[in-house]
Each structure stands twice: as C-alpha cells, then as structure tokens.
Protein backbone atom coordinates (compact mmCIF):
# COMPACT_ATOMS: atom_id res chain seq x y z
CA MET A 1 -22.05 10.75 -0.57
CA GLY A 2 -20.92 13.81 -2.54
CA ILE A 3 -22.74 17.11 -2.99
CA THR A 4 -23.74 16.22 -6.55
CA SER A 5 -25.36 12.97 -5.40
CA LEU A 6 -27.19 14.77 -2.59
CA ARG A 7 -28.58 17.35 -4.98
CA ARG A 8 -29.63 14.71 -7.48
CA THR A 9 -31.27 12.50 -4.87
CA THR A 10 -33.06 15.53 -3.38
CA VAL A 11 -34.59 16.28 -6.76
CA LEU A 12 -35.47 12.61 -7.17
CA ALA A 13 -37.11 12.62 -3.76
CA LEU A 14 -39.31 15.50 -4.89
CA SER A 15 -40.08 13.64 -8.08
CA VAL A 16 -41.02 10.48 -6.17
CA LEU A 17 -43.14 12.51 -3.78
CA ALA A 18 -44.90 14.09 -6.73
CA VAL A 19 -45.66 10.65 -8.11
CA SER A 20 -47.07 9.57 -4.73
CA LEU A 21 -49.30 12.63 -4.52
CA ALA A 22 -50.46 12.16 -8.08
CA ALA A 23 -51.34 8.56 -7.26
CA CYS A 24 -53.49 9.77 -4.35
CA GLN A 25 -55.30 12.25 -6.61
CA GLN A 26 -55.89 9.43 -9.06
CA LYS A 27 -58.47 7.90 -6.73
CA GLU A 28 -60.70 10.96 -7.20
CA THR A 29 -59.95 11.62 -10.89
CA PRO A 30 -58.40 8.43 -12.33
CA ALA A 31 -57.88 9.87 -15.79
CA ALA A 32 -55.76 12.78 -14.51
CA GLY A 33 -53.02 10.82 -12.69
CA PRO A 34 -49.85 9.25 -14.17
CA ALA A 35 -49.31 5.52 -14.36
CA LYS A 36 -48.01 3.81 -11.22
CA PRO A 37 -44.22 3.18 -11.35
CA PRO A 38 -43.36 -0.28 -12.72
CA VAL A 39 -42.75 -2.99 -10.12
CA VAL A 40 -39.41 -4.82 -9.81
CA ASN A 41 -40.01 -8.30 -8.42
CA MET A 42 -37.40 -9.96 -6.20
CA GLY A 43 -35.05 -12.10 -8.26
CA GLU A 44 -36.61 -11.10 -11.60
CA PRO A 45 -34.59 -8.77 -13.86
CA PHE A 46 -36.35 -5.56 -14.87
CA ARG A 47 -35.29 -3.92 -18.13
CA GLY A 48 -35.68 -0.23 -18.87
CA GLU A 49 -34.03 2.65 -20.66
CA LEU A 50 -33.24 6.29 -20.03
CA THR A 51 -33.67 8.39 -23.16
CA THR A 52 -33.80 12.03 -24.12
CA GLN A 53 -37.55 11.81 -23.45
CA SER A 54 -37.12 10.61 -19.84
CA PRO A 55 -37.90 13.07 -16.98
CA THR A 56 -35.06 15.47 -16.25
CA ASN A 57 -33.58 16.51 -12.90
CA ILE A 58 -33.67 20.30 -12.90
CA ASN A 59 -30.41 20.71 -10.96
CA ASP A 60 -28.04 18.97 -13.39
CA GLY A 61 -30.09 17.85 -16.39
CA SER A 62 -29.64 14.13 -15.70
CA ARG A 63 -32.49 11.82 -16.73
CA TYR A 64 -34.24 9.47 -14.33
CA SER A 65 -36.83 6.77 -13.97
CA VAL A 66 -38.82 5.69 -10.88
CA LEU A 67 -39.55 2.03 -10.07
CA THR A 68 -41.31 0.22 -7.22
CA VAL A 69 -39.60 -2.55 -5.20
CA ASN A 70 -41.14 -4.69 -2.47
CA LEU A 71 -38.72 -5.30 0.40
CA LYS A 72 -39.02 -7.51 3.49
CA GLY A 73 -38.24 -6.18 6.94
CA ASN A 74 -34.94 -7.18 8.62
CA THR A 75 -33.73 -8.60 5.30
CA THR A 76 -30.70 -7.27 3.42
CA THR A 77 -31.34 -6.73 -0.28
CA LYS A 78 -28.77 -6.19 -3.00
CA ILE A 79 -30.06 -4.02 -5.85
CA SER A 80 -27.87 -4.00 -8.95
CA LEU A 81 -27.99 -1.59 -11.88
CA GLU A 82 -26.50 -3.30 -14.92
CA GLY A 83 -26.00 -2.45 -18.58
CA SER A 84 -24.32 0.34 -20.52
CA LEU A 85 -25.89 3.12 -18.45
CA GLN A 86 -23.51 4.83 -16.03
CA GLY A 87 -26.00 5.60 -13.33
CA VAL A 88 -26.93 6.05 -9.68
CA LEU A 89 -29.49 4.13 -7.60
CA SER A 90 -31.51 5.87 -4.89
CA LEU A 91 -34.00 4.24 -2.51
CA TYR A 92 -36.95 6.07 -0.95
CA LYS A 93 -39.88 5.36 1.34
CA GLU A 94 -42.80 7.74 0.97
CA GLY A 95 -40.55 10.44 -0.48
CA GLU A 96 -37.81 10.09 2.19
CA LEU A 97 -34.33 9.21 0.98
CA LEU A 98 -33.09 6.01 2.65
CA ASN A 99 -30.05 4.93 0.71
CA VAL A 100 -27.97 5.70 -2.38
CA SER A 101 -25.30 3.83 -4.32
CA ASN A 102 -21.83 5.31 -4.01
CA GLY A 103 -21.39 5.77 -7.75
CA ASN A 104 -18.56 3.21 -8.15
CA SER A 105 -19.01 0.83 -11.06
CA SER A 106 -17.51 -2.54 -11.82
CA PHE A 107 -17.11 -3.50 -15.47
CA GLY A 108 -18.07 -6.57 -17.43
CA GLU A 109 -17.70 -7.65 -21.03
CA SER A 110 -18.26 -5.13 -23.82
CA SER A 111 -21.69 -4.59 -25.29
CA SER A 112 -23.19 -2.00 -27.59
CA GLY A 113 -25.17 0.85 -26.05
CA CYS A 114 -24.95 4.55 -25.38
CA CYS A 115 -23.55 6.33 -22.40
CA GLY A 116 -23.79 9.77 -23.88
CA GLY A 117 -25.14 11.46 -26.96
CA SER A 118 -23.79 8.74 -29.24
CA SER A 119 -24.47 5.03 -29.60
CA SER A 120 -20.84 3.89 -29.68
CA GLY A 121 -19.93 0.59 -28.03
CA SER A 122 -19.13 0.60 -24.31
CA GLN A 123 -18.45 -1.73 -21.43
CA ARG A 124 -21.28 -3.15 -19.34
CA ARG A 125 -21.42 -1.51 -15.93
CA SER A 126 -22.72 -2.69 -12.60
CA THR A 127 -23.61 -0.33 -9.75
CA THR A 128 -24.84 -1.75 -6.45
CA LEU A 129 -27.01 -0.52 -3.61
CA VAL A 130 -27.32 -2.65 -0.45
CA HIS A 131 -30.10 -1.95 2.05
CA THR A 132 -31.63 -3.62 5.10
CA ALA A 133 -35.30 -2.67 5.33
CA GLU A 134 -36.80 -2.00 8.74
CA ALA A 135 -40.25 -3.27 7.73
CA ASP A 136 -42.12 -4.97 4.90
CA GLY A 137 -43.45 -2.58 2.30
CA GLU A 138 -43.30 -0.80 -1.00
CA TYR A 139 -40.23 1.31 -1.67
CA GLN A 140 -39.44 3.64 -4.56
CA LEU A 141 -36.22 3.10 -6.51
CA GLY A 142 -34.77 5.95 -8.53
CA VAL A 143 -32.56 5.15 -11.52
CA SER A 144 -30.67 8.25 -12.63
CA GLY A 145 -27.90 8.97 -15.09
CA ALA A 146 -24.59 9.93 -13.48
CA ASP A 147 -24.80 13.31 -15.26
CA ALA A 148 -26.66 15.03 -18.09
CA THR A 149 -24.77 13.07 -20.77
CA ARG A 150 -25.57 9.61 -19.42
CA TYR A 151 -28.52 7.64 -20.76
CA GLY A 152 -29.21 4.28 -22.32
CA PRO A 153 -30.63 0.82 -21.57
CA PHE A 154 -30.34 -0.67 -18.11
CA ARG A 155 -31.34 -3.70 -16.10
CA VAL A 156 -32.28 -3.75 -12.41
CA VAL A 157 -31.90 -6.96 -10.39
CA THR A 158 -32.90 -7.41 -6.73
CA GLN A 159 -31.59 -10.25 -4.56
CA ALA A 160 -31.98 -11.08 -0.88
CA ILE A 161 -28.55 -11.79 0.65
CA GLU A 162 -27.10 -12.80 4.00
CA VAL A 163 -24.51 -10.44 5.50
CA ARG A 164 -22.70 -10.17 8.82
CA ASN A 165 -21.82 -6.63 9.71
CA SER A 166 -20.52 -7.30 13.23
CA GLY A 167 -19.73 -10.05 15.71
CA PRO A 168 -17.00 -12.66 16.10
CA VAL A 169 -14.70 -13.93 13.36
CA LYS A 170 -11.94 -16.53 13.52
CA ALA A 171 -9.13 -17.97 11.43
CA GLY A 172 -10.25 -20.02 8.45
CA GLU A 173 -13.48 -18.07 8.08
CA THR A 174 -14.76 -15.91 5.21
CA LEU A 175 -17.86 -13.77 5.64
CA GLU A 176 -19.86 -11.35 3.55
CA GLY A 177 -20.67 -7.87 4.81
CA ALA A 178 -22.08 -4.61 3.53
CA LEU A 179 -21.39 -0.94 4.06
CA SER A 180 -24.41 1.32 3.75
CA ALA A 181 -24.50 4.89 2.49
CA SER A 182 -27.71 5.48 4.42
CA ALA A 183 -27.28 8.61 6.53
CA ASP A 184 -28.85 7.06 9.64
CA SER A 185 -27.44 3.56 9.22
CA ALA A 186 -25.76 2.07 12.29
CA ASN A 187 -22.98 0.66 10.11
CA ARG A 188 -22.26 3.84 8.14
CA GLY A 189 -18.52 4.41 7.94
CA HIS A 190 -17.24 1.04 9.17
CA ASN A 191 -18.24 -2.36 10.50
CA THR A 192 -16.54 -3.79 13.58
CA TYR A 193 -15.70 -7.45 14.30
CA GLN A 194 -14.00 -9.30 17.15
CA LEU A 195 -11.17 -11.55 15.94
CA ALA A 196 -10.48 -14.49 18.24
CA VAL A 197 -6.91 -15.84 17.88
CA GLU A 198 -6.57 -19.24 19.52
CA GLU A 199 -2.82 -19.74 19.04
CA ASP A 200 0.23 -17.62 18.32
CA GLY A 201 1.08 -17.42 14.64
CA LEU A 202 1.24 -15.54 11.35
CA TYR A 203 -2.16 -14.39 10.08
CA ASP A 204 -3.32 -12.83 6.79
CA ILE A 205 -6.51 -10.76 6.89
CA TYR A 206 -8.17 -9.71 3.61
CA LEU A 207 -10.90 -7.16 2.89
CA ARG A 208 -12.10 -7.35 -0.73
CA SER A 209 -14.77 -5.37 -2.56
CA GLN A 210 -15.80 -4.56 -6.11
CA ASN A 211 -17.84 -1.58 -4.91
CA PHE A 212 -15.34 0.55 -2.99
CA ASP A 213 -11.66 1.04 -2.13
CA ALA A 214 -11.26 -1.25 0.89
CA PHE A 215 -9.64 -0.04 4.12
CA LEU A 216 -8.83 -2.42 6.99
CA LYS A 217 -7.74 -1.74 10.57
CA LEU A 218 -6.51 -4.21 13.22
CA SER A 219 -5.99 -3.36 16.89
CA GLY A 220 -5.55 -5.06 20.25
CA ASN A 221 -2.88 -6.60 22.51
CA GLY A 222 -0.36 -3.89 21.62
CA VAL A 223 -0.93 -4.27 17.87
CA THR A 224 -2.21 -1.44 15.69
CA GLN A 225 -2.13 -1.84 11.91
CA GLU A 226 -4.08 -0.50 8.98
CA ASP A 227 -3.94 -1.03 5.23
CA ASP A 228 -5.44 0.23 2.00
CA ASP A 229 -4.17 -1.59 -1.11
CA SER A 230 -1.77 -4.39 -0.08
CA GLY A 231 -4.33 -7.04 -1.12
CA GLY A 232 -3.94 -6.15 -4.79
CA GLY A 233 -5.89 -3.56 -6.76
CA SER A 234 -8.04 -1.67 -4.28
CA ASP A 235 -8.30 -4.56 -1.80
CA ALA A 236 -6.78 -4.41 1.69
CA LYS A 237 -4.53 -6.97 3.39
CA ILE A 238 -2.87 -7.09 6.79
CA SER A 239 -0.22 -9.70 7.65
CA ALA A 240 0.69 -9.84 11.30
CA PHE A 241 2.19 -12.11 13.92
CA LEU A 242 -0.57 -12.34 16.52
CA LYS A 243 -0.47 -13.81 19.99
CA ALA A 244 -3.49 -15.70 21.32
CA GLY A 245 -6.19 -13.26 22.37
CA THR A 246 -8.99 -11.05 21.08
CA TYR A 247 -8.50 -8.28 18.54
CA GLU A 248 -10.77 -5.72 16.88
CA LEU A 249 -11.17 -5.53 13.11
CA GLN A 250 -12.70 -2.54 11.35
CA ALA A 251 -13.87 -2.96 7.76
CA SER A 252 -14.52 0.28 5.87
CA GLY A 253 -13.99 2.18 2.65
CA LEU A 254 -11.14 4.58 2.11
CA ASP A 255 -13.64 7.44 1.75
CA ARG A 256 -16.50 8.15 4.12
CA GLY A 257 -19.78 7.35 2.40
CA ASP A 258 -18.37 4.35 0.50
CA ALA A 259 -21.00 1.65 0.27
CA GLY A 260 -21.47 -1.86 -1.07
CA LEU A 261 -20.70 -5.51 -0.47
CA TYR A 262 -17.38 -6.91 0.68
CA SER A 263 -15.81 -10.14 1.87
CA LEU A 264 -13.67 -10.43 5.01
CA SER A 265 -11.41 -13.45 5.48
CA VAL A 266 -8.82 -14.51 8.05
CA GLU A 267 -6.16 -17.10 7.20
CA ARG A 268 -3.42 -18.57 9.39
CA GLN A 269 -0.19 -19.02 7.46
CA ALA A 270 2.22 -21.86 8.08
CA LEU A 271 5.85 -20.82 8.46
CA PRO A 272 8.51 -22.54 6.35
CA ALA A 273 9.72 -25.78 7.94
CA GLY A 274 12.19 -25.17 10.74
CA THR A 275 11.55 -21.42 10.85
CA GLU A 276 11.20 -19.60 14.15
CA LEU A 277 10.26 -15.94 14.20
CA SER A 278 12.46 -13.44 15.97
CA GLN A 279 10.57 -10.18 16.42
CA GLY A 280 13.42 -8.23 17.99
CA GLY A 281 15.77 -8.48 20.96
CA PRO A 282 19.39 -9.63 21.23
CA LEU A 283 21.09 -10.56 17.96
CA GLN A 284 24.08 -12.86 18.17
CA PRO A 285 27.08 -11.70 16.07
CA GLY A 286 27.25 -13.74 12.87
CA ALA A 287 23.69 -15.08 13.28
CA THR A 288 20.77 -15.06 10.81
CA VAL A 289 17.19 -14.66 12.07
CA THR A 290 13.76 -14.56 10.43
CA GLY A 291 11.28 -11.83 11.29
CA LEU A 292 7.86 -10.67 10.17
CA TYR A 293 7.40 -7.03 9.25
CA SER A 294 3.78 -5.91 9.48
CA GLY A 295 3.92 -2.15 9.71
CA GLN A 296 5.87 -1.78 12.95
CA ASP A 297 9.63 -1.35 13.42
CA LEU A 298 11.51 -4.39 14.73
CA ARG A 299 14.56 -3.54 16.85
CA TYR A 300 17.50 -5.87 17.42
CA GLU A 301 20.49 -5.37 19.71
CA LEU A 302 24.02 -6.22 18.57
CA ARG A 303 26.91 -6.21 21.07
CA LEU A 304 30.55 -6.17 19.98
CA THR A 305 33.51 -6.79 22.28
CA GLU A 306 36.18 -5.72 19.77
CA ARG A 307 36.57 -3.53 16.71
CA GLN A 308 35.21 -5.43 13.68
CA ARG A 309 33.97 -5.00 10.15
CA VAL A 310 30.22 -5.72 10.19
CA VAL A 311 27.92 -6.36 7.21
CA ILE A 312 24.17 -6.31 7.97
CA ASP A 313 21.84 -7.78 5.32
CA MET A 314 18.03 -7.61 5.31
CA LYS A 315 16.47 -9.71 2.55
CA SER A 316 12.84 -10.28 1.63
CA SER A 317 10.77 -11.32 -1.37
CA ALA A 318 7.64 -9.73 0.14
CA ILE A 319 8.68 -6.21 1.19
CA ASP A 320 11.09 -3.45 0.23
CA SER A 321 13.64 -3.84 3.03
CA TYR A 322 14.89 -0.83 4.98
CA LEU A 323 17.63 -0.85 7.62
CA THR A 324 18.78 1.61 10.27
CA LEU A 325 21.92 1.23 12.41
CA ASP A 326 22.48 3.34 15.54
CA GLY A 327 25.25 3.18 18.11
CA PRO A 328 28.39 4.88 19.44
CA GLY A 329 29.21 7.55 16.85
CA VAL A 330 27.17 5.77 14.15
CA HIS A 331 23.86 6.49 12.39
CA ALA A 332 23.37 4.78 9.04
CA THR A 333 20.36 3.90 6.89
CA ASP A 334 19.93 1.89 3.70
CA ASP A 335 17.20 0.82 1.31
CA ASP A 336 18.52 -1.08 -1.74
CA SER A 337 22.30 -1.57 -1.40
CA GLY A 338 21.81 -5.33 -0.98
CA GLY A 339 20.59 -5.67 -4.56
CA GLY A 340 17.03 -5.45 -5.82
CA SER A 341 14.87 -4.31 -2.92
CA ASP A 342 17.18 -5.75 -0.24
CA ALA A 343 19.03 -3.55 2.25
CA ARG A 344 22.67 -3.69 3.34
CA ILE A 345 24.77 -1.65 5.76
CA GLU A 346 28.52 -2.22 5.94
CA ARG A 347 30.55 -0.48 8.64
CA THR A 348 33.60 -0.90 10.85
CA LEU A 349 32.30 -0.70 14.40
CA SER A 350 34.05 -0.13 17.71
CA PRO A 351 33.25 -2.20 20.80
CA GLY A 352 29.80 -1.31 22.15
CA THR A 353 26.05 -1.91 21.82
CA TYR A 354 24.23 -1.12 18.58
CA THR A 355 20.55 -1.03 17.61
CA ILE A 356 19.51 -2.47 14.25
CA THR A 357 16.01 -1.43 13.15
CA ALA A 358 14.34 -3.52 10.44
CA ASN A 359 11.28 -2.21 8.65
CA GLY A 360 9.72 -1.77 5.22
CA TYR A 361 10.17 1.17 2.89
CA ASP A 362 6.48 1.06 1.98
CA ASN A 363 3.24 -0.26 3.48
CA GLY A 364 3.79 -3.92 2.64
CA SER A 365 4.13 -6.79 5.08
CA GLY A 366 5.89 -10.14 5.03
CA LEU A 367 8.78 -12.31 6.18
CA PHE A 368 12.42 -11.24 6.00
CA THR A 369 15.83 -12.51 7.07
CA LEU A 370 18.34 -10.44 8.99
CA ALA A 371 21.97 -11.53 8.94
CA THR A 372 25.19 -10.12 10.38
CA THR A 373 28.59 -11.06 8.98
CA LEU A 374 31.71 -10.13 10.97
CA SER A 375 35.32 -9.95 9.79
CA GLU A 376 38.60 -8.45 10.89
CA ALA A 377 38.47 -4.69 10.64
CA PRO A 378 41.01 -2.97 8.38
CA GLN A 379 43.44 -0.69 10.13
CA PRO A 380 43.09 3.07 9.75
CA GLY A 381 45.00 4.37 6.74
CA GLY A 382 47.81 6.87 6.43
CA GLY A 383 51.56 6.85 6.97
CA ASP A 384 54.40 5.72 4.72
CA ILE A 385 53.93 3.73 1.51
CA THR A 386 56.67 2.47 -0.80
CA VAL A 387 56.85 1.58 -4.47
CA GLY A 388 55.61 -1.99 -4.94
CA GLN A 389 53.54 -1.94 -1.76
CA THR A 390 49.76 -2.52 -1.42
CA VAL A 391 48.06 -1.17 1.70
CA ARG A 392 44.68 -2.42 2.95
CA ALA A 393 43.04 0.25 5.10
CA GLU A 394 39.77 1.99 5.88
CA LEU A 395 38.54 5.54 5.55
CA THR A 396 37.17 6.66 8.89
CA SER A 397 36.74 10.41 8.34
CA PRO A 398 35.63 12.73 5.53
CA GLU A 399 39.14 14.21 5.35
CA GLY A 400 40.52 10.89 4.13
CA ASP A 401 44.01 9.43 4.65
CA GLU A 402 47.40 11.00 3.88
CA TYR A 403 50.39 8.88 2.76
CA ARG A 404 54.06 9.76 2.24
CA LEU A 405 55.74 8.33 -0.86
CA ARG A 406 59.52 8.59 -1.40
CA VAL A 407 60.65 8.12 -5.02
CA THR A 408 64.34 7.30 -5.49
CA ARG A 409 64.40 6.87 -9.25
CA ALA A 410 62.74 8.84 -12.04
CA GLY A 411 60.19 6.87 -14.00
CA ARG A 412 56.57 6.13 -14.85
CA TYR A 413 54.43 5.12 -11.85
CA THR A 414 50.85 3.96 -11.35
CA ILE A 415 48.91 4.64 -8.15
CA GLU A 416 45.57 2.85 -7.68
CA MET A 417 42.84 3.10 -5.06
CA ARG A 418 40.17 0.39 -5.16
CA SER A 419 37.04 -0.20 -3.09
CA GLU A 420 33.77 -2.12 -3.30
CA THR A 421 31.91 0.24 -0.98
CA ILE A 422 33.09 3.82 -1.64
CA ASP A 423 33.70 6.03 -4.68
CA SER A 424 37.51 6.32 -4.56
CA TYR A 425 39.31 9.62 -5.07
CA LEU A 426 43.09 10.15 -5.38
CA ARG A 427 45.38 13.16 -5.32
CA ILE A 428 49.18 13.36 -5.43
CA VAL A 429 51.13 16.49 -4.59
CA GLY A 430 54.91 17.09 -4.59
CA ASP A 431 57.77 18.74 -6.48
CA THR A 432 55.93 20.28 -9.47
CA VAL A 433 53.20 17.60 -9.46
CA ASP A 434 49.56 18.16 -8.48
CA GLN A 435 47.20 15.63 -10.07
CA GLU A 436 43.91 13.98 -9.03
CA ASP A 437 41.53 11.31 -10.29
CA ASP A 438 38.12 9.84 -9.59
CA ASP A 439 37.14 6.93 -11.88
CA SER A 440 40.04 6.13 -14.23
CA GLY A 441 40.49 2.74 -12.57
CA GLY A 442 37.09 1.57 -13.80
CA ASN A 443 33.78 1.51 -11.97
CA TYR A 444 34.33 3.75 -8.94
CA ASP A 445 38.08 3.10 -8.60
CA ALA A 446 40.72 5.81 -8.97
CA ARG A 447 44.00 5.54 -10.90
CA LEU A 448 46.89 7.93 -11.57
CA SER A 449 49.57 7.07 -14.16
CA LEU A 450 52.28 9.69 -14.29
CA SER A 451 56.03 10.39 -14.48
CA LEU A 452 57.72 11.21 -11.19
CA GLN A 453 61.17 12.60 -10.43
CA PRO A 454 63.11 11.56 -7.32
CA GLY A 455 61.68 13.22 -4.22
CA GLU A 456 58.96 13.07 -1.60
CA TYR A 457 55.25 13.20 -2.45
CA ARG A 458 51.96 13.29 -0.58
CA ILE A 459 49.14 10.94 -1.63
CA TYR A 460 45.63 11.75 -0.41
CA ALA A 461 43.13 8.85 -0.44
CA THR A 462 39.52 9.97 0.04
CA SER A 463 35.96 9.33 -1.11
CA ILE A 464 34.20 11.59 -3.57
CA ASP A 465 31.07 11.42 -1.37
CA GLU A 466 33.01 11.63 1.92
CA ASP A 467 31.85 8.09 2.76
CA ASN A 468 33.71 5.72 5.06
CA GLY A 469 34.76 2.23 4.06
CA PRO A 470 37.60 -0.19 3.31
CA TYR A 471 39.94 0.25 0.37
CA THR A 472 43.31 -0.84 -1.02
CA LEU A 473 46.04 1.57 -2.14
CA SER A 474 48.93 0.38 -4.30
CA VAL A 475 51.97 2.02 -5.94
CA ARG A 476 53.91 0.34 -8.73
C-alpha cells in the first residue's frame, strides 16, 4: 500500500470513527446525529455516487462515502467497486483499518459517466477488495475517489467466495486464492503451496490475476525458478521438467502490498511422440537431442578425436535460443545466427573436450533441439597460389593468410574471396600495385579486378571483423 493510500485511509478512518461517535450521541439527542451509513447486503448491488457535494478528505481533496457491510466470521468476501468511478475501497471495524484495495482496476465495456470534472464517456472500472473476517459483525466500507479529480456513479457488490491460500496442489488442478493488503494478514506478501509431483515430466504452472501483476516462484529438489510475465500480459508461467517429489510454490504480486484474487493451475504436458528429453551430459558427434529450457543453463559435453568443422544449431519455437561454446582455445557465443531467434555456432575445432551451454536469451521457457553437424575441416590457408587455381582454406587468426602469386604474362586478372561465415577482405601488394577490397564480390565477398604486370605479388586474405572461418580464394 502506498503512502497516498495510507494517508487517505487514515483520514477515512477518522471519518468513520466520527460517524460512529455521532451515532452514539444520537441515542441521547436523536435529532442532532447524522443518518446511519447505508447498508450493503450480501449479493445485492448497491448503487451510489460521489459528487462535488460528497465529504472531502482533507489531505488530498478526494471525495468519499461510507457504507455498512455485514460480514460472517471465517468467510472470505469479495467486495467489488464497479462503474465509471476510479476509486479505492477501504474496510474498517470500529474505526480501525482492516484492509484496502490495491488501486489496480480492470476495465469493462464503455459507458457514459464522469471520472473528473467533466462528464465525458469512459470505460467501466472494477476495483476489488478481498477480506476474511475474523468474526460476524458490522463493518464500515469506505468508497473514495483515487484523487481529488475522481468522482461519479459507482456500484458496490459483495460476494462470499471460497479460496485456498495454502496447502497441497497437484497436476490437473486449478484453485482460487487471494492476496490481502491487510497489514496484519497472515498471507500478506505471498501464499505458499506444496506441489506434489507423482511422476517425472514436463509441467506448466500458471498464476493469473486481473487485480495485480502476478509473480510465481518454484523451488525444491534442486530446482529454483521464478517468473513474472511469461503467462501473457501480467500473468506468470513456469515450465519445468520436474522429477517425482514435493516442491514449494509461492504465489504473490510483483509489488509488496498487491492484493486481490488469482487462480493457480498446474498442468502436465505431453511430449511429442517419440521424444525423450536430454537435460545435459554427453553429446554424441552428429546427434540431435531435445531439451527443455526453464530458466537454468543446460550443459552438454562434446568430445572430438580429430580436427573437424563443427556446426552447432539450437532451434526453438518457444524461446529465443542462446548458445555458448567453450573448450581448448575457444570461447564463442551466439544468439540469432541460425535465423529468426535460433542460435548457431560454426567453428573448426581441434581434438579435445568442449562444453556446449544451451539457454534462453530472455526469461521464457520451452522445448528446443540441439544438433551438431561435423564435416572435414578446411586446411589452414597461405602459401603459393597460381592463376586459374581455387583454394579452399580457413582463417584461424586475426592476421589472416598470406599467399604468393607469380604472374608470367601481363593482363587483366580477377581475385575473389568468398565465404558464408565471415566478411571477406582482400589486399594485393607488389611491383607498383597496392589495392584492397571488402564487398565488391556481392554480399560480404571481396573481389579485385586489376591489370598486373609480370612479377611476384602478395595476396592477403583476412576478415574485416577479424573473425575465423572457412573461405575460398580464386585467381583467374
């Protein structure tokens, strides 16, 4: 609850207390006391209106009205403020503040009404207060404008509801719960449940609310995950591969003091036919595995017995894939080189053991595939090249490769460097020639077309970004 709400509800508490005292004085001098606050009956809508003539809170100028509600002990009651008024609900017992709505409003269809000094059309709003009374009795309900500019017609509806704010929950179950903004409420901040998982599998857990920004936390058996908005809008969702056992779920709002109703559901998801999850460990060269990312890095081990060109692809329709490769002399990362939101790392690797880490770029969760494709590694570049020759090689250092070209006859020559993985860069030096090129070959390929006299030249094949990767170099 913010400072503004506290100040407003404090003033309202004084106002309600004043009404109570005036009602006591009324017994001695009936004509001097004000009328008793109107009664809101359970399940029956009460209609009212805040106007410029309504009582005013002295701290912020907002207008308010006081109503009476009869609540039953040990029963949870939902009190809704509906209509065009953007307002706050506050619940009191004998002048003591018990509960207050968190100020969040859900919106319905448009209707005419005023939410300020004008009567222009506006959307219908709904603000909710949920309270479990300790005993039967009369309670005072304050209806206040959100600030000094808010007034207009409103409707108050009370409804007894069933909620579960703790205890066991299992797959296939959906329950209703409530967070309370009451300062002394046992469930202020979050509600805790015990999730019983009977068999290993993929589970989706949803926390949905129209009253607050949902925040969900799962822990137990080595798993710790939390989520804010993966369920769509301001709803929370956790997808996780869970082993049989007991876990703890915490349902809360993103901000302390959030209050209102919510639903909590647990669903077990069936994997695609023939799919087995691999959540890390040894990865066979050339194999494709399926994993589930749910907020924690998954590490796979790739062992190579000879020098090879390796392409690693991580694909997913549910998450933004992110890959990391670590090993002897190698550290590489990638987000979107696989196209769309898929990740790809392509490297020539020496014999050894490498760690591939699969995770998500953001807070999403879902299935992904991880594949390794191996091929013969190109040889390191450099050395002699002749007219009419095409060399397939690989850049392995930022300095690039140096070639020697001997020209025996004057003429027009074309030198091309092509690659699908690096931004090619060419330079030729010799005699009176010193020329270079980046992208004249189209895309990121380099091309030099020039006249050369007989003699010896040096060709330097590099990458504009000092990247490593395979390429072809031709002279014609």
